[in-house]
C-alpha atoms as a PDB file:
ATOM      1  CA  MET A   1      57.427  39.601  14.468  1.00  0.00           C
ATOM      2  CA  LYS A   2      57.368  37.296  11.732  1.00  0.00           C
ATOM      3  CA  ARG A   3      56.238  34.629  14.256  1.00  0.00           C
ATOM      4  CA  ALA A   4      53.304  36.594  15.747  1.00  0.00           C
ATOM      5  CA  ILE A   5      51.789  37.250  12.415  1.00  0.00           C
ATOM      6  CA  PHE A   6      51.836  33.661  11.512  1.00  0.00           C
ATOM      7  CA  MET A   7      50.399  32.899  15.073  1.00  0.00           C
ATOM      8  CA  TYR A   8      47.667  35.440  14.356  1.00  0.00           C
ATOM      9  CA  LEU A   9      47.060  34.195  11.075  1.00  0.00           C
ATOM     10  CA  PHE A  10      47.067  30.383  12.473  1.00  0.00           C
ATOM     11  CA  PHE A  11      44.461  31.686  15.262  1.00  0.00           C
ATOM     12  CA  PHE A  12      42.123  33.683  12.350  1.00  0.00           C
ATOM     13  CA  THR A  13      42.005  30.591  10.059  1.00  0.00           C
ATOM     14  CA  LEU A  14      41.478  28.385  12.632  1.00  0.00           C
ATOM     15  CA  LEU A  15      38.427  30.771  13.976  1.00  0.00           C
ATOM     16  CA  PHE A  16      37.568  30.954  10.471  1.00  0.00           C
ATOM     17  CA  VAL A  17      37.378  27.145   9.900  1.00  0.00           C
ATOM     18  CA  ILE A  18      35.228  26.726  13.204  1.00  0.00           C
ATOM     19  CA  PHE A  19      32.994  29.363  11.885  1.00  0.00           C
ATOM     20  CA  GLN A  20      32.560  27.652   8.497  1.00  0.00           C
ATOM     21  CA  TYR A  21      31.811  24.352  10.095  1.00  0.00           C
ATOM     22  CA  MET A  22      29.298  25.454  12.533  1.00  0.00           C
ATOM     23  CA  ASN A  23      27.633  27.355   9.650  1.00  0.00           C
ATOM     24  CA  GLU A  24      27.778  24.318   7.451  1.00  0.00           C
ATOM     25  CA  LYS A  25      26.589  22.104  10.120  1.00  0.00           C
ATOM     26  CA  LYS A  26      23.410  24.533  10.795  1.00  0.00           C
ATOM     27  CA  ILE A  27      22.832  24.581   7.096  1.00  0.00           C
ATOM     28  CA  PHE A  28      23.436  20.564   6.421  1.00  0.00           C
ATOM     29  CA  GLY A  29      20.893  20.254   9.631  1.00  0.00           C
ATOM     30  CA  LYS A  30      18.224  22.544   8.159  1.00  0.00           C
ATOM     31  CA  GLN A  31      18.594  20.585   4.201  1.00  0.00           C
ATOM     32  CA  GLU A  32      18.170  16.927   6.271  1.00  0.00           C
ATOM     33  CA  ASN A  33      15.072  18.297   8.270  1.00  0.00           C
ATOM     34  CA  LYS A  34      13.738  19.671   4.798  1.00  0.00           C
ATOM     35  CA  ILE A  35      14.424  16.417   2.990  1.00  0.00           C
ATOM     36  CA  GLU A  36      12.999  14.402   5.975  1.00  0.00           C
ATOM     37  CA  SER A  37       9.696  16.662   5.741  1.00  0.00           C
ATOM     38  CA  GLN A  38       9.390  16.095   1.804  1.00  0.00           C
ATOM     39  CA  ARG A  39       9.869  12.368   2.444  1.00  0.00           C
ATOM     40  CA  ASN A  40       6.855  12.636   5.105  1.00  0.00           C
ATOM     41  CA  LYS A  41       4.840  14.343   2.673  1.00  0.00           C
ATOM     42  CA  ILE A  42       5.632  11.829  -0.140  1.00  0.00           C
ATOM     43  CA  ASN A  43       4.860   8.986   2.127  1.00  0.00           C
ATOM     44  CA  LYS A  44       1.545  10.657   2.792  1.00  0.00           C
ATOM     45  CA  LEU A  45       0.862  11.357  -0.559  1.00  0.00           C
ATOM     46  CA  LYS A  46       1.552   7.605  -1.667  1.00  0.00           C
ATOM     47  CA  ASP A  47      -0.884   6.392   1.141  1.00  0.00           C
ATOM     48  CA  GLN A  48      -3.566   8.624  -0.412  1.00  0.00           C
ATOM     49  CA  VAL A  49      -2.644   7.612  -3.707  1.00  0.00           C
ATOM     50  CA  LYS A  50      -2.953   4.061  -2.663  1.00  0.00           C
ATOM     51  CA  VAL A  51      -6.593   4.716  -0.777  1.00  0.00           C
ATOM     52  CA  ILE A  52      -7.887   6.191  -4.005  1.00  0.00           C
ATOM     53  CA  THR A  53      -6.474   3.481  -6.323  1.00  0.00           C
ATOM     54  CA  ASP A  54      -8.534   0.795  -3.919  1.00  0.00           C
ATOM     55  CA  SER A  55     -11.653   3.038  -4.112  1.00  0.00           C
ATOM     56  CA  LEU A  56     -11.351   3.115  -7.771  1.00  0.00           C
ATOM     57  CA  GLU A  57     -11.011  -0.397  -8.169  1.00  0.00           C
ATOM     58  CA  SER A  58     -13.971  -0.957  -5.645  1.00  0.00           C
ATOM     59  CA  LEU A  59     -15.713   1.459  -8.188  1.00  0.00           C
ATOM     60  CA  SER A  60     -14.749  -0.857 -11.054  1.00  0.00           C
ATOM     61  CA  ASN A  61     -16.815  -3.619  -9.269  1.00  0.00           C
ATOM     62  CA  VAL A  62     -19.642  -1.405  -9.047  1.00  0.00           C
ATOM     63  CA  ASP A  63     -19.848  -0.916 -12.648  1.00  0.00           C
ATOM     64  CA  TYR A  64     -20.059  -4.770 -13.208  1.00  0.00           C
ATOM     65  CA  PHE A  65     -23.530  -4.622 -12.686  1.00  0.00           C
ATOM     66  CA  SER A  66     -24.224  -2.275 -15.804  1.00  0.00           C
ATOM     67  CA  LEU A  67     -24.783  -2.483 -19.237  1.00  0.00           C
ATOM     68  CA  GLN A  68     -21.648  -0.528 -20.344  1.00  0.00           C
ATOM     69  CA  GLY A  69     -19.739  -2.879 -17.881  1.00  0.00           C
ATOM     70  CA  ASN A  70     -20.955  -6.378 -18.653  1.00  0.00           C
ATOM     71  CA  GLU A  71     -19.036  -7.900 -21.643  1.00  0.00           C
ATOM     72  CA  ASN A  72     -21.586 -10.738 -22.143  1.00  0.00           C
ATOM     73  CA  ALA A  73     -24.418  -8.507 -22.281  1.00  0.00           C
ATOM     74  CA  ILE A  74     -22.497  -6.152 -24.798  1.00  0.00           C
ATOM     75  CA  SER A  75     -21.802  -8.933 -26.786  1.00  0.00           C
ATOM     76  CA  TYR A  76     -25.508 -10.130 -26.767  1.00  0.00           C
ATOM     77  CA  ILE A  77     -26.589  -6.610 -27.838  1.00  0.00           C
ATOM     78  CA  GLU A  78     -24.111  -6.617 -31.002  1.00  0.00           C
ATOM     79  CA  SER A  79     -25.074  -9.907 -32.063  1.00  0.00           C
ATOM     80  CA  LEU A  80     -28.677  -8.366 -32.636  1.00  0.00           C
ATOM     81  CA  GLY A  81     -26.794  -5.534 -34.654  1.00  0.00           C
ATOM     82  CA  PHE A  82     -27.112  -2.953 -32.088  1.00  0.00           C
ATOM     83  CA  GLU A  83     -24.607  -1.044 -29.713  1.00  0.00           C
ATOM     84  CA  ALA A  84     -24.811  -0.933 -25.751  1.00  0.00           C
ATOM     85  CA  LEU A  85     -25.258   3.067 -25.600  1.00  0.00           C
ATOM     86  CA  GLU A  86     -27.521   3.064 -28.427  1.00  0.00           C
ATOM     87  CA  ILE A  87     -29.881   0.572 -26.876  1.00  0.00           C
ATOM     88  CA  GLU A  88     -29.725   2.427 -23.459  1.00  0.00           C
ATOM     89  CA  THR A  89     -30.646   5.682 -24.828  1.00  0.00           C
ATOM     90  CA  PHE A  90     -33.346   4.161 -27.136  1.00  0.00           C
ATOM     91  CA  VAL A  91     -34.792   2.403 -24.332  1.00  0.00           C
ATOM     92  CA  SER A  92     -34.544   5.199 -21.909  1.00  0.00           C
ATOM     93  CA  ASP A  93     -36.149   7.681 -24.146  1.00  0.00           C
ATOM     94  CA  TYR A  94     -39.047   5.316 -24.775  1.00  0.00           C
ATOM     95  CA  ILE A  95     -39.551   4.936 -20.961  1.00  0.00           C
ATOM     96  CA  TYR A  96     -39.259   8.653 -20.106  1.00  0.00           C
ATOM     97  CA  ASP A  97     -41.504   9.287 -23.272  1.00  0.00           C
ATOM     98  CA  LEU A  98     -44.409   7.362 -21.381  1.00  0.00           C
ATOM     99  CA  ASN A  99     -43.758  10.090 -18.499  1.00  0.00           C
ATOM    100  CA  LEU A 100     -45.285  12.707 -20.856  1.00  0.00           C
ATOM    101  CA  LYS A 101     -48.373  10.791 -21.203  1.00  0.00           C
ATOM    102  CA  LYS A 102     -51.454  11.924 -18.973  1.00  0.00           C
ATOM    103  CA  GLY A 103     -51.792  10.316 -15.774  1.00  0.00           C
ATOM    104  CA  ASN A 104     -49.805   7.568 -13.944  1.00  0.00           C
ATOM    105  CA  HIS A 105     -46.877   5.977 -15.782  1.00  0.00           C
ATOM    106  CA  GLN A 106     -47.882   2.675 -17.179  1.00  0.00           C
ATOM    107  CA  LEU A 107     -45.162   0.820 -16.118  1.00  0.00           C
ATOM    108  CA  VAL A 108     -45.663   1.779 -12.463  1.00  0.00           C
ATOM    109  CA  PRO A 109     -48.117  -0.485 -10.328  1.00  0.00           C
ATOM    110  CA  TYR A 110     -49.368   2.140  -7.892  1.00  0.00           C
ATOM    111  CA  GLU A 111     -51.611   4.960  -8.039  1.00  0.00           C
ATOM    112  CA  GLY A 112     -50.100   8.543  -7.152  1.00  0.00           C
ATOM    113  CA  ILE A 113     -51.676  10.001  -4.261  1.00  0.00           C
ATOM    114  CA  ASN A 114     -49.848  13.315  -4.509  1.00  0.00           C
ATOM    115  CA  GLY A 115     -49.985  13.335  -8.165  1.00  0.00           C
ATOM    116  CA  ASP A 116     -48.956  11.181 -10.966  1.00  0.00           C
ATOM    117  CA  MET A 117     -46.444   8.481 -10.461  1.00  0.00           C
ATOM    118  CA  LYS A 118     -43.740   9.179 -13.051  1.00  0.00           C
ATOM    119  CA  ILE A 119     -40.265   7.334 -13.726  1.00  0.00           C
ATOM    120  CA  ASN A 120     -37.059   9.482 -12.294  1.00  0.00           C
ATOM    121  CA  LYS A 121     -34.119   7.269 -12.955  1.00  0.00           C
ATOM    122  CA  LEU A 122     -33.166   4.222 -14.557  1.00  0.00           C
ATOM    123  CA  LYS A 123     -30.085   1.806 -14.063  1.00  0.00           C
ATOM    124  CA  PHE A 124     -29.419  -0.778 -16.763  1.00  0.00           C
ATOM    125  CA  LEU A 125     -28.017  -4.007 -15.048  1.00  0.00           C
ATOM    126  CA  ASN A 126     -27.593  -5.756 -18.396  1.00  0.00           C
ATOM    127  CA  HIS A 127     -29.176  -6.776 -21.614  1.00  0.00           C
ATOM    128  CA  LYS A 128     -32.359  -7.818 -19.944  1.00  0.00           C
ATOM    129  CA  TRP A 129     -32.772  -5.834 -16.842  1.00  0.00           C
ATOM    130  CA  ILE A 130     -33.638  -2.301 -15.417  1.00  0.00           C
ATOM    131  CA  ILE A 131     -34.183  -0.842 -12.007  1.00  0.00           C
ATOM    132  CA  ALA A 132     -36.139   2.071 -11.987  1.00  0.00           C
ATOM    133  CA  ASP A 133     -36.925   4.755  -9.413  1.00  0.00           C
ATOM    134  CA  TYR A 134     -40.472   6.563  -9.499  1.00  0.00           C
ATOM    135  CA  THR A 135     -42.235   8.864  -7.546  1.00  0.00           C
ATOM    136  CA  ASP A 136     -45.014  11.240  -7.374  1.00  0.00           C
ATOM    137  CA  GLY A 137     -43.553  13.995  -5.510  1.00  0.00           C
ATOM    138  CA  ARG A 138     -44.002  12.645  -2.076  1.00  0.00           C
ATOM    139  CA  TYR A 139     -44.267   8.967  -2.297  1.00  0.00           C
ATOM    140  CA  TRP A 140     -41.484   6.925  -3.776  1.00  0.00           C
ATOM    141  CA  GLY A 141     -40.366   3.435  -4.953  1.00  0.00           C
ATOM    142  CA  GLU A 142     -38.337   1.071  -7.146  1.00  0.00           C
ATOM    143  CA  MET A 143     -38.906  -1.328  -9.422  1.00  0.00           C
ATOM    144  CA  VAL A 144     -37.285  -4.186 -11.873  1.00  0.00           C
ATOM    145  CA  LEU A 145     -38.412  -4.048 -15.351  1.00  0.00           C
ATOM    146  CA  GLU A 146     -37.418  -6.749 -17.982  1.00  0.00           C
ATOM    147  CA  TYR A 147     -36.862  -5.185 -21.216  1.00  0.00           C
ATOM    148  CA  TYR A 148     -36.285  -6.751 -24.860  1.00  0.00           C
ATOM    149  CA  VAL A 149     -35.738  -4.940 -28.283  1.00  0.00           C
ATOM    150  CA  THR A 150     -36.434  -6.562 -31.450  1.00  0.00           C
ATOM    151  CA  LYS A 151     -34.192  -6.264 -34.313  1.00  0.00           C
ATOM    152  CA  ASP A 152     -36.692  -4.375 -36.105  1.00  0.00           C
ATOM    153  CA  ARG A 153     -36.699  -1.907 -33.134  1.00  0.00           C
ATOM    154  CA  LYS A 154     -39.696  -2.624 -31.025  1.00  0.00           C
ATOM    155  CA  ILE A 155     -39.448  -2.770 -27.408  1.00  0.00           C
ATOM    156  CA  GLU A 156     -41.174  -5.020 -24.896  1.00  0.00           C
ATOM    157  CA  LEU A 157     -41.259  -4.031 -21.297  1.00  0.00           C
ATOM    158  CA  LYS A 158     -42.543  -6.097 -18.378  1.00  0.00           C
ATOM    159  CA  GLN A 159     -42.595  -5.026 -14.608  1.00  0.00           C
ATOM    160  CA  ILE A 160     -41.191  -8.028 -12.623  1.00  0.00           C
ATOM    161  CA  SER A 161     -41.121  -6.663  -9.202  1.00  0.00           C
ATOM    162  CA  SER A 162     -41.667  -3.158  -7.416  1.00  0.00           C
ATOM    163  CA  LEU A 163     -41.917  -1.638  -3.690  1.00  0.00           C
ATOM    164  CA  MET A 164     -43.254   1.538  -2.299  1.00  0.00           C
ATOM    165  CA  TYR A 165     -41.522   3.141   0.475  1.00  0.00           C
ATOM    166  CA  PRO A 166     -43.309   4.447   3.487  1.00  0.00           C
ATOM    167  CA  VAL A 167     -43.327   7.811   4.444  1.00  0.00           C
ATOM    168  CA  GLN A 168     -41.261   8.910   7.057  1.00  0.00           C
END
């Protein structure tokens, strides 16, 4: 009888160990699958971060042709006793104020057909040049302006080149 009890106890223990082994193997497999899927997600996110980083680096190259991104232009403006942002604001306000005058903007070399030509946008390239976009509501174009700010805060503007886009 003692022998039968030990034999049943041995088989019960063996079945329990096999059950535990199979259960742990299943849990381990699920955890491995979870870990692998998380690794895949991490790799995808790393790839996305690399793409975003590369695009940000290319954007910093775009900023090179701007007054705020050009150290030489900033140094020149500071040597005159101004700040770059102050010059941008001062010149922009002056140019946009010319839009308020009746008739076409005096810097735009074309007469408006659909209304008066007015300047919409300005992009400061450096301490000397600006790209400007202008329109009369239907017709539009772009031009390059040369500007100079004197120490007594007088602005000199000269239109260098311009173009008018055909209506499509």
